[in-house]
Amino acid sequence: MRSRRRSWWATSLVIGLAILAACAAPVEFHESEGLPGTIAGKLSRRSVVIAAPHGTSDARTGDIVTEIGRRTGFSVVVARGFNLEPDTPEQAGRRYQVNRPYEGVPGRPPSEDAATDRARQVYEVYERKVRDAAQGPLGFYAEVHGNDDRDAANRIEIATVGVDRDEALQLRSLFELIRDAHLRVNREAPSLAVLVEPADTIRYAASGAKRDGVLALARRALHIELPRSARTEWRETYTAILADFLAQAVSLPAGR
């Protein structure tokens, strides 16, 4: 009987410690020394990271990612600053691309990016922080970006890594179901379309980050491009939609 009790208490202790570890407050990190910007975040769920490489210049994406991390328990990485030139009324300013070792202008093709030593330094720190946040292999990685393209004002685009056409169709259907459920409560918010590659043709394919940057690190990755309306006047609604979508997308079975 005593042996059974000791075994029960030992098992209970192990389970209790595991629960405490899972519920422990996320560990925050912050790095800015020697950088033309800051990279901050929280270590929480292993292998799963949500990030904003342009948390300032892609307006409100840093806030969106921070809130998604809070809602989902994903580990978080947010980069702020890293501008080389200010925006003008005519065009966006030049910046470090952060999620790849280049500098360039938002919205311009990757072929116009320039590789520089400073850009590589920025990228190497960002990559290290993403790896730190994963606390091991990077199984699922999502990045949130923003654009002001008039032609993309009514849609969200999701570029992917490690996702086939069947899974892209599942992801699109999942997003639409969650979006529609939220918009039944908030009828004033716009119903933004969603395109998911490779099922859909998209403009923001993140080819540079897939080839030379952080997207190549993950087993599965989603590069999410939000129009301005989803980041400003309807930010709270679409942040909630994205959080629910990502919380389910992370465990969605891979397509065949």
C-alpha atoms as a PDB file:
ATOM      1  CA  MET A   1       0.000   0.000   0.000  1.00  0.00           C
ATOM      2  CA  ARG A   2       2.793   2.443   0.898  1.00  0.00           C
ATOM      3  CA  SER A   3       4.498   1.617  -2.391  1.00  0.00           C
ATOM      4  CA  ARG A   4       1.314   2.434  -4.258  1.00  0.00           C
ATOM      5  CA  ARG A   5       0.923   5.713  -2.366  1.00  0.00           C
ATOM      6  CA  ARG A   6       4.524   6.715  -3.086  1.00  0.00           C
ATOM      7  CA  SER A   7       3.995   5.894  -6.773  1.00  0.00           C
ATOM      8  CA  TRP A   8       0.770   7.917  -6.853  1.00  0.00           C
ATOM      9  CA  TRP A   9       2.406  10.914  -5.164  1.00  0.00           C
ATOM     10  CA  ALA A  10       5.413  10.713  -7.496  1.00  0.00           C
ATOM     11  CA  THR A  11       3.156  10.618 -10.541  1.00  0.00           C
ATOM     12  CA  SER A  12       1.081  13.506  -9.208  1.00  0.00           C
ATOM     13  CA  LEU A  13       4.221  15.540  -8.559  1.00  0.00           C
ATOM     14  CA  VAL A  14       5.484  15.006 -12.109  1.00  0.00           C
ATOM     15  CA  ILE A  15       2.109  15.956 -13.570  1.00  0.00           C
ATOM     16  CA  GLY A  16       1.906  19.007 -11.304  1.00  0.00           C
ATOM     17  CA  LEU A  17       5.359  20.207 -12.283  1.00  0.00           C
ATOM     18  CA  ALA A  18       4.506  19.744 -15.961  1.00  0.00           C
ATOM     19  CA  ILE A  19       1.342  21.807 -15.545  1.00  0.00           C
ATOM     20  CA  LEU A  20       3.246  24.546 -13.716  1.00  0.00           C
ATOM     21  CA  ALA A  21       5.878  24.604 -16.452  1.00  0.00           C
ATOM     22  CA  ALA A  22       3.225  24.865 -19.149  1.00  0.00           C
ATOM     23  CA  CYS A  23       1.471  27.695 -17.315  1.00  0.00           C
ATOM     24  CA  ALA A  24       4.600  29.629 -16.391  1.00  0.00           C
ATOM     25  CA  ALA A  25       4.740  33.265 -17.412  1.00  0.00           C
ATOM     26  CA  PRO A  26       6.463  33.761 -20.793  1.00  0.00           C
ATOM     27  CA  VAL A  27      10.077  34.916 -20.639  1.00  0.00           C
ATOM     28  CA  GLU A  28      10.602  38.313 -22.261  1.00  0.00           C
ATOM     29  CA  PHE A  29      13.668  39.290 -24.280  1.00  0.00           C
ATOM     30  CA  HIS A  30      14.805  42.583 -25.772  1.00  0.00           C
ATOM     31  CA  GLU A  31      17.811  43.401 -27.938  1.00  0.00           C
ATOM     32  CA  SER A  32      18.857  46.746 -29.404  1.00  0.00           C
ATOM     33  CA  GLU A  33      22.561  47.140 -28.666  1.00  0.00           C
ATOM     34  CA  GLY A  34      24.432  47.886 -31.885  1.00  0.00           C
ATOM     35  CA  LEU A  35      21.267  47.702 -33.995  1.00  0.00           C
ATOM     36  CA  PRO A  36      19.424  50.474 -35.899  1.00  0.00           C
ATOM     37  CA  GLY A  37      16.192  49.250 -34.286  1.00  0.00           C
ATOM     38  CA  THR A  38      14.929  46.876 -31.600  1.00  0.00           C
ATOM     39  CA  ILE A  39      13.972  43.209 -31.579  1.00  0.00           C
ATOM     40  CA  ALA A  40      11.810  42.107 -28.666  1.00  0.00           C
ATOM     41  CA  GLY A  41       9.454  39.313 -27.793  1.00  0.00           C
ATOM     42  CA  LYS A  42       8.440  36.509 -25.456  1.00  0.00           C
ATOM     43  CA  LEU A  43       9.388  32.867 -25.174  1.00  0.00           C
ATOM     44  CA  SER A  44       6.273  30.801 -24.671  1.00  0.00           C
ATOM     45  CA  ARG A  45       5.088  27.808 -26.690  1.00  0.00           C
ATOM     46  CA  ARG A  46       7.964  25.768 -28.104  1.00  0.00           C
ATOM     47  CA  SER A  47       8.360  25.300 -31.868  1.00  0.00           C
ATOM     48  CA  VAL A  48       5.633  27.853 -32.686  1.00  0.00           C
ATOM     49  CA  VAL A  49       6.477  31.512 -33.375  1.00  0.00           C
ATOM     50  CA  ILE A  50       4.432  34.528 -34.507  1.00  0.00           C
ATOM     51  CA  ALA A  51       6.496  37.506 -35.709  1.00  0.00           C
ATOM     52  CA  ALA A  52       6.401  41.017 -37.154  1.00  0.00           C
ATOM     53  CA  PRO A  53       9.661  41.943 -38.965  1.00  0.00           C
ATOM     54  CA  HIS A  54       8.368  45.468 -39.637  1.00  0.00           C
ATOM     55  CA  GLY A  55       6.417  46.176 -36.476  1.00  0.00           C
ATOM     56  CA  THR A  56       6.661  49.947 -36.996  1.00  0.00           C
ATOM     57  CA  SER A  57       6.803  50.589 -40.753  1.00  0.00           C
ATOM     58  CA  ASP A  58       4.039  48.049 -41.476  1.00  0.00           C
ATOM     59  CA  ALA A  59       1.667  50.043 -39.307  1.00  0.00           C
ATOM     60  CA  ARG A  60       0.333  48.270 -36.194  1.00  0.00           C
ATOM     61  CA  THR A  61       1.681  44.833 -37.130  1.00  0.00           C
ATOM     62  CA  GLY A  62       3.805  44.806 -33.981  1.00  0.00           C
ATOM     63  CA  ASP A  63       0.690  45.411 -31.874  1.00  0.00           C
ATOM     64  CA  ILE A  64      -1.256  42.765 -33.795  1.00  0.00           C
ATOM     65  CA  VAL A  65       1.432  40.120 -33.316  1.00  0.00           C
ATOM     66  CA  THR A  66       1.806  40.918 -29.611  1.00  0.00           C
ATOM     67  CA  GLU A  67      -1.930  40.467 -29.095  1.00  0.00           C
ATOM     68  CA  ILE A  68      -2.039  37.265 -31.161  1.00  0.00           C
ATOM     69  CA  GLY A  69       0.763  35.894 -29.003  1.00  0.00           C
ATOM     70  CA  ARG A  70      -1.195  36.742 -25.864  1.00  0.00           C
ATOM     71  CA  ARG A  71      -4.328  35.032 -27.174  1.00  0.00           C
ATOM     72  CA  THR A  72      -2.661  31.909 -28.576  1.00  0.00           C
ATOM     73  CA  GLY A  73       0.334  31.318 -26.323  1.00  0.00           C
ATOM     74  CA  PHE A  74       2.676  31.354 -29.322  1.00  0.00           C
ATOM     75  CA  SER A  75       6.192  32.656 -28.811  1.00  0.00           C
ATOM     76  CA  VAL A  76       6.556  36.206 -30.177  1.00  0.00           C
ATOM     77  CA  VAL A  77       9.234  38.198 -32.044  1.00  0.00           C
ATOM     78  CA  VAL A  78       8.668  41.854 -32.987  1.00  0.00           C
ATOM     79  CA  ALA A  79      11.207  44.078 -34.769  1.00  0.00           C
ATOM     80  CA  ARG A  80      10.682  47.845 -34.669  1.00  0.00           C
ATOM     81  CA  GLY A  81      12.579  50.589 -36.433  1.00  0.00           C
ATOM     82  CA  PHE A  82      15.191  49.542 -39.020  1.00  0.00           C
ATOM     83  CA  ASN A  83      14.264  52.345 -41.435  1.00  0.00           C
ATOM     84  CA  LEU A  84      16.968  53.819 -43.672  1.00  0.00           C
ATOM     85  CA  GLU A  85      14.827  56.587 -45.167  1.00  0.00           C
ATOM     86  CA  PRO A  86      11.509  58.090 -44.051  1.00  0.00           C
ATOM     87  CA  ASP A  87       8.316  57.505 -45.986  1.00  0.00           C
ATOM     88  CA  THR A  88       7.145  60.304 -48.289  1.00  0.00           C
ATOM     89  CA  PRO A  89       3.664  61.041 -49.672  1.00  0.00           C
ATOM     90  CA  GLU A  90       4.834  59.553 -52.975  1.00  0.00           C
ATOM     91  CA  GLN A  91       6.430  56.301 -51.779  1.00  0.00           C
ATOM     92  CA  ALA A  92       7.594  54.205 -48.849  1.00  0.00           C
ATOM     93  CA  GLY A  93      11.091  54.801 -47.543  1.00  0.00           C
ATOM     94  CA  ARG A  94      13.998  52.421 -47.852  1.00  0.00           C
ATOM     95  CA  ARG A  95      14.480  50.008 -44.924  1.00  0.00           C
ATOM     96  CA  TYR A  96      16.302  46.926 -43.762  1.00  0.00           C
ATOM     97  CA  GLN A  97      14.200  43.946 -44.797  1.00  0.00           C
ATOM     98  CA  VAL A  98      14.994  42.284 -41.439  1.00  0.00           C
ATOM     99  CA  ASN A  99      13.592  38.840 -42.336  1.00  0.00           C
ATOM    100  CA  ARG A 100      16.266  38.446 -45.019  1.00  0.00           C
ATOM    101  CA  PRO A 101      19.810  39.902 -45.352  1.00  0.00           C
ATOM    102  CA  TYR A 102      18.893  42.786 -47.673  1.00  0.00           C
ATOM    103  CA  GLU A 103      17.700  46.349 -47.700  1.00  0.00           C
ATOM    104  CA  GLY A 104      15.030  47.665 -50.026  1.00  0.00           C
ATOM    105  CA  VAL A 105      11.750  49.527 -50.499  1.00  0.00           C
ATOM    106  CA  PRO A 106       8.433  47.984 -49.400  1.00  0.00           C
ATOM    107  CA  GLY A 107       6.314  46.804 -52.300  1.00  0.00           C
ATOM    108  CA  ARG A 108       9.206  46.624 -54.739  1.00  0.00           C
ATOM    109  CA  PRO A 109      10.276  43.247 -56.191  1.00  0.00           C
ATOM    110  CA  PRO A 110      13.019  41.253 -54.396  1.00  0.00           C
ATOM    111  CA  SER A 111      15.246  41.687 -57.464  1.00  0.00           C
ATOM    112  CA  GLU A 112      15.654  45.351 -56.439  1.00  0.00           C
ATOM    113  CA  ASP A 113      16.850  44.507 -52.923  1.00  0.00           C
ATOM    114  CA  ALA A 114      20.525  45.170 -52.124  1.00  0.00           C
ATOM    115  CA  ALA A 115      22.691  42.876 -50.004  1.00  0.00           C
ATOM    116  CA  THR A 116      24.806  44.852 -47.503  1.00  0.00           C
ATOM    117  CA  ASP A 117      26.939  43.940 -44.501  1.00  0.00           C
ATOM    118  CA  ARG A 118      24.676  45.935 -42.200  1.00  0.00           C
ATOM    119  CA  ALA A 119      21.553  44.243 -43.554  1.00  0.00           C
ATOM    120  CA  ARG A 120      23.144  40.847 -42.946  1.00  0.00           C
ATOM    121  CA  GLN A 121      23.968  41.837 -39.358  1.00  0.00           C
ATOM    122  CA  VAL A 122      20.349  42.848 -38.776  1.00  0.00           C
ATOM    123  CA  TYR A 123      19.063  39.628 -40.319  1.00  0.00           C
ATOM    124  CA  GLU A 124      21.427  37.422 -38.314  1.00  0.00           C
ATOM    125  CA  VAL A 125      20.195  38.921 -35.046  1.00  0.00           C
ATOM    126  CA  TYR A 126      16.567  38.537 -36.152  1.00  0.00           C
ATOM    127  CA  GLU A 127      17.112  34.924 -37.190  1.00  0.00           C
ATOM    128  CA  ARG A 128      18.808  34.168 -33.890  1.00  0.00           C
ATOM    129  CA  LYS A 129      15.879  35.624 -31.963  1.00  0.00           C
ATOM    130  CA  VAL A 130      13.382  33.581 -33.981  1.00  0.00           C
ATOM    131  CA  ARG A 131      15.420  30.450 -33.226  1.00  0.00           C
ATOM    132  CA  ASP A 132      15.595  31.455 -29.558  1.00  0.00           C
ATOM    133  CA  ALA A 133      11.822  31.953 -29.490  1.00  0.00           C
ATOM    134  CA  ALA A 134      11.280  28.496 -31.008  1.00  0.00           C
ATOM    135  CA  GLN A 135      13.454  26.943 -28.266  1.00  0.00           C
ATOM    136  CA  GLY A 136      14.314  24.108 -30.635  1.00  0.00           C
ATOM    137  CA  PRO A 137      13.181  23.148 -34.147  1.00  0.00           C
ATOM    138  CA  LEU A 138      10.882  25.731 -35.766  1.00  0.00           C
ATOM    139  CA  GLY A 139       7.789  23.702 -36.563  1.00  0.00           C
ATOM    140  CA  PHE A 140       5.294  26.489 -37.331  1.00  0.00           C
ATOM    141  CA  TYR A 141       6.160  30.102 -38.102  1.00  0.00           C
ATOM    142  CA  ALA A 142       3.798  32.934 -39.014  1.00  0.00           C
ATOM    143  CA  GLU A 143       4.789  36.464 -40.031  1.00  0.00           C
ATOM    144  CA  VAL A 144       2.397  39.403 -40.197  1.00  0.00           C
ATOM    145  CA  HIS A 145       3.087  42.157 -42.742  1.00  0.00           C
ATOM    146  CA  GLY A 146       1.148  45.110 -44.083  1.00  0.00           C
ATOM    147  CA  ASN A 147       0.699  46.824 -47.434  1.00  0.00           C
ATOM    148  CA  ASP A 148      -1.082  49.889 -48.771  1.00  0.00           C
ATOM    149  CA  ASP A 149      -1.609  48.589 -52.307  1.00  0.00           C
ATOM    150  CA  ARG A 150      -4.982  49.774 -53.629  1.00  0.00           C
ATOM    151  CA  ASP A 151      -5.336  46.623 -55.725  1.00  0.00           C
ATOM    152  CA  ALA A 152      -5.012  44.494 -52.566  1.00  0.00           C
ATOM    153  CA  ALA A 153      -7.129  46.703 -50.301  1.00  0.00           C
ATOM    154  CA  ASN A 154      -9.965  44.189 -50.035  1.00  0.00           C
ATOM    155  CA  ARG A 155      -8.014  40.994 -49.450  1.00  0.00           C
ATOM    156  CA  ILE A 156      -5.568  39.219 -47.181  1.00  0.00           C
ATOM    157  CA  GLU A 157      -2.809  37.237 -48.903  1.00  0.00           C
ATOM    158  CA  ILE A 158      -1.036  34.277 -47.311  1.00  0.00           C
ATOM    159  CA  ALA A 159       2.194  32.987 -48.845  1.00  0.00           C
ATOM    160  CA  THR A 160       3.233  29.583 -47.550  1.00  0.00           C
ATOM    161  CA  VAL A 161       6.125  27.198 -46.970  1.00  0.00           C
ATOM    162  CA  GLY A 162       5.560  23.460 -46.519  1.00  0.00           C
ATOM    163  CA  VAL A 163       1.913  23.712 -47.599  1.00  0.00           C
ATOM    164  CA  ASP A 164       0.492  21.896 -50.622  1.00  0.00           C
ATOM    165  CA  ARG A 165      -2.634  22.818 -52.586  1.00  0.00           C
ATOM    166  CA  ASP A 166      -4.976  20.657 -50.505  1.00  0.00           C
ATOM    167  CA  GLU A 167      -3.776  22.171 -47.267  1.00  0.00           C
ATOM    168  CA  ALA A 168      -3.999  25.673 -48.769  1.00  0.00           C
ATOM    169  CA  LEU A 169      -7.650  25.008 -49.581  1.00  0.00           C
ATOM    170  CA  GLN A 170      -8.207  23.833 -45.996  1.00  0.00           C
ATOM    171  CA  LEU A 171      -6.527  26.949 -44.646  1.00  0.00           C
ATOM    172  CA  ARG A 172      -8.609  29.210 -46.856  1.00  0.00           C
ATOM    173  CA  SER A 173     -11.841  27.490 -45.800  1.00  0.00           C
ATOM    174  CA  LEU A 174     -10.817  27.656 -42.140  1.00  0.00           C
ATOM    175  CA  PHE A 175     -10.086  31.380 -42.358  1.00  0.00           C
ATOM    176  CA  GLU A 176     -13.397  32.064 -44.121  1.00  0.00           C
ATOM    177  CA  LEU A 177     -15.395  30.138 -41.515  1.00  0.00           C
ATOM    178  CA  ILE A 178     -13.725  31.989 -38.644  1.00  0.00           C
ATOM    179  CA  ARG A 179     -14.020  35.357 -40.398  1.00  0.00           C
ATOM    180  CA  ASP A 180     -17.722  34.855 -41.073  1.00  0.00           C
ATOM    181  CA  ALA A 181     -18.389  33.794 -37.477  1.00  0.00           C
ATOM    182  CA  HIS A 182     -16.740  36.973 -36.167  1.00  0.00           C
ATOM    183  CA  LEU A 183     -18.496  39.208 -38.692  1.00  0.00           C
ATOM    184  CA  ARG A 184     -21.907  37.879 -37.706  1.00  0.00           C
ATOM    185  CA  VAL A 185     -21.248  39.628 -34.394  1.00  0.00           C
ATOM    186  CA  ASN A 186     -19.576  42.706 -35.896  1.00  0.00           C
ATOM    187  CA  ARG A 187     -21.600  43.368 -39.038  1.00  0.00           C
ATOM    188  CA  GLU A 188     -19.978  46.734 -39.753  1.00  0.00           C
ATOM    189  CA  ALA A 189     -16.531  45.258 -40.382  1.00  0.00           C
ATOM    190  CA  PRO A 190     -15.592  44.531 -44.022  1.00  0.00           C
ATOM    191  CA  SER A 191     -15.487  40.919 -45.181  1.00  0.00           C
ATOM    192  CA  LEU A 192     -11.964  40.770 -46.570  1.00  0.00           C
ATOM    193  CA  ALA A 193     -11.263  37.995 -49.052  1.00  0.00           C
ATOM    194  CA  VAL A 194      -8.387  35.619 -48.326  1.00  0.00           C
ATOM    195  CA  LEU A 195      -5.999  34.085 -50.869  1.00  0.00           C
ATOM    196  CA  VAL A 196      -3.679  31.219 -49.883  1.00  0.00           C
ATOM    197  CA  GLU A 197      -0.902  29.898 -52.072  1.00  0.00           C
ATOM    198  CA  PRO A 198      -0.444  27.498 -53.778  1.00  0.00           C
ATOM    199  CA  ALA A 199      -4.226  27.223 -54.217  1.00  0.00           C
ATOM    200  CA  ASP A 200      -4.413  30.904 -55.207  1.00  0.00           C
ATOM    201  CA  THR A 201      -2.181  33.249 -57.172  1.00  0.00           C
ATOM    202  CA  ILE A 202      -0.937  36.045 -54.917  1.00  0.00           C
ATOM    203  CA  ARG A 203       1.093  39.206 -55.377  1.00  0.00           C
ATOM    204  CA  TYR A 204       3.061  39.057 -52.113  1.00  0.00           C
ATOM    205  CA  ALA A 205       4.724  35.658 -52.484  1.00  0.00           C
ATOM    206  CA  ALA A 206       7.654  36.393 -50.097  1.00  0.00           C
ATOM    207  CA  SER A 207      10.070  34.824 -52.574  1.00  0.00           C
ATOM    208  CA  GLY A 208      13.103  36.593 -51.099  1.00  0.00           C
ATOM    209  CA  ALA A 209      12.449  35.423 -47.532  1.00  0.00           C
ATOM    210  CA  LYS A 210      11.737  31.903 -48.785  1.00  0.00           C
ATOM    211  CA  ARG A 211      14.973  31.743 -50.735  1.00  0.00           C
ATOM    212  CA  ASP A 212      17.424  33.616 -48.493  1.00  0.00           C
ATOM    213  CA  GLY A 213      15.618  34.412 -45.276  1.00  0.00           C
ATOM    214  CA  VAL A 214      13.809  33.261 -42.196  1.00  0.00           C
ATOM    215  CA  LEU A 215      10.946  31.452 -43.955  1.00  0.00           C
ATOM    216  CA  ALA A 216      13.408  28.781 -45.043  1.00  0.00           C
ATOM    217  CA  LEU A 217      13.937  27.789 -41.394  1.00  0.00           C
ATOM    218  CA  ALA A 218      10.427  26.513 -40.717  1.00  0.00           C
ATOM    219  CA  ARG A 219       8.818  23.184 -41.477  1.00  0.00           C
ATOM    220  CA  ARG A 220       5.599  25.131 -42.164  1.00  0.00           C
ATOM    221  CA  ALA A 221       5.322  28.893 -42.497  1.00  0.00           C
ATOM    222  CA  LEU A 222       2.598  31.450 -43.252  1.00  0.00           C
ATOM    223  CA  HIS A 223       3.511  34.934 -44.521  1.00  0.00           C
ATOM    224  CA  ILE A 224       0.389  37.027 -43.941  1.00  0.00           C
ATOM    225  CA  GLU A 225      -0.129  40.330 -45.795  1.00  0.00           C
ATOM    226  CA  LEU A 226      -2.790  42.597 -44.324  1.00  0.00           C
ATOM    227  CA  PRO A 227      -4.325  45.627 -46.061  1.00  0.00           C
ATOM    228  CA  ARG A 228      -4.479  48.871 -44.128  1.00  0.00           C
ATOM    229  CA  SER A 229      -8.120  48.479 -43.041  1.00  0.00           C
ATOM    230  CA  ALA A 230      -7.304  45.224 -41.207  1.00  0.00           C
ATOM    231  CA  ARG A 231      -4.489  47.005 -39.341  1.00  0.00           C
ATOM    232  CA  THR A 232      -6.197  50.295 -38.468  1.00  0.00           C
ATOM    233  CA  GLU A 233      -9.946  50.867 -38.110  1.00  0.00           C
ATOM    234  CA  TRP A 234     -10.779  47.129 -38.026  1.00  0.00           C
ATOM    235  CA  ARG A 235      -7.618  46.001 -36.255  1.00  0.00           C
ATOM    236  CA  GLU A 236      -9.320  44.537 -33.189  1.00  0.00           C
ATOM    237  CA  THR A 237     -11.723  42.481 -35.288  1.00  0.00           C
ATOM    238  CA  TYR A 238      -9.088  41.084 -37.618  1.00  0.00           C
ATOM    239  CA  THR A 239      -6.609  40.487 -34.812  1.00  0.00           C
ATOM    240  CA  ALA A 240      -9.215  38.271 -33.150  1.00  0.00           C
ATOM    241  CA  ILE A 241      -9.905  36.524 -36.462  1.00  0.00           C
ATOM    242  CA  LEU A 242      -6.212  35.892 -37.075  1.00  0.00           C
ATOM    243  CA  ALA A 243      -5.654  34.624 -33.533  1.00  0.00           C
ATOM    244  CA  ASP A 244      -8.471  32.082 -33.845  1.00  0.00           C
ATOM    245  CA  PHE A 245      -7.306  31.093 -37.337  1.00  0.00           C
ATOM    246  CA  LEU A 246      -3.670  30.556 -36.324  1.00  0.00           C
ATOM    247  CA  ALA A 247      -4.604  28.687 -33.148  1.00  0.00           C
ATOM    248  CA  GLN A 248      -6.359  26.115 -35.338  1.00  0.00           C
ATOM    249  CA  ALA A 249      -4.044  26.276 -38.370  1.00  0.00           C
ATOM    250  CA  VAL A 250      -1.036  25.204 -36.302  1.00  0.00           C
ATOM    251  CA  SER A 251      -2.596  21.784 -35.687  1.00  0.00           C
ATOM    252  CA  LEU A 252      -4.272  21.345 -39.073  1.00  0.00           C
ATOM    253  CA  PRO A 253      -3.172  18.039 -40.679  1.00  0.00           C
ATOM    254  CA  ALA A 254      -0.831  18.525 -43.613  1.00  0.00           C
ATOM    255  CA  GLY A 255      -2.402  18.213 -47.040  1.00  0.00           C
ATOM    256  CA  ARG A 256      -1.586  15.251 -49.236  1.00  0.00           C
END
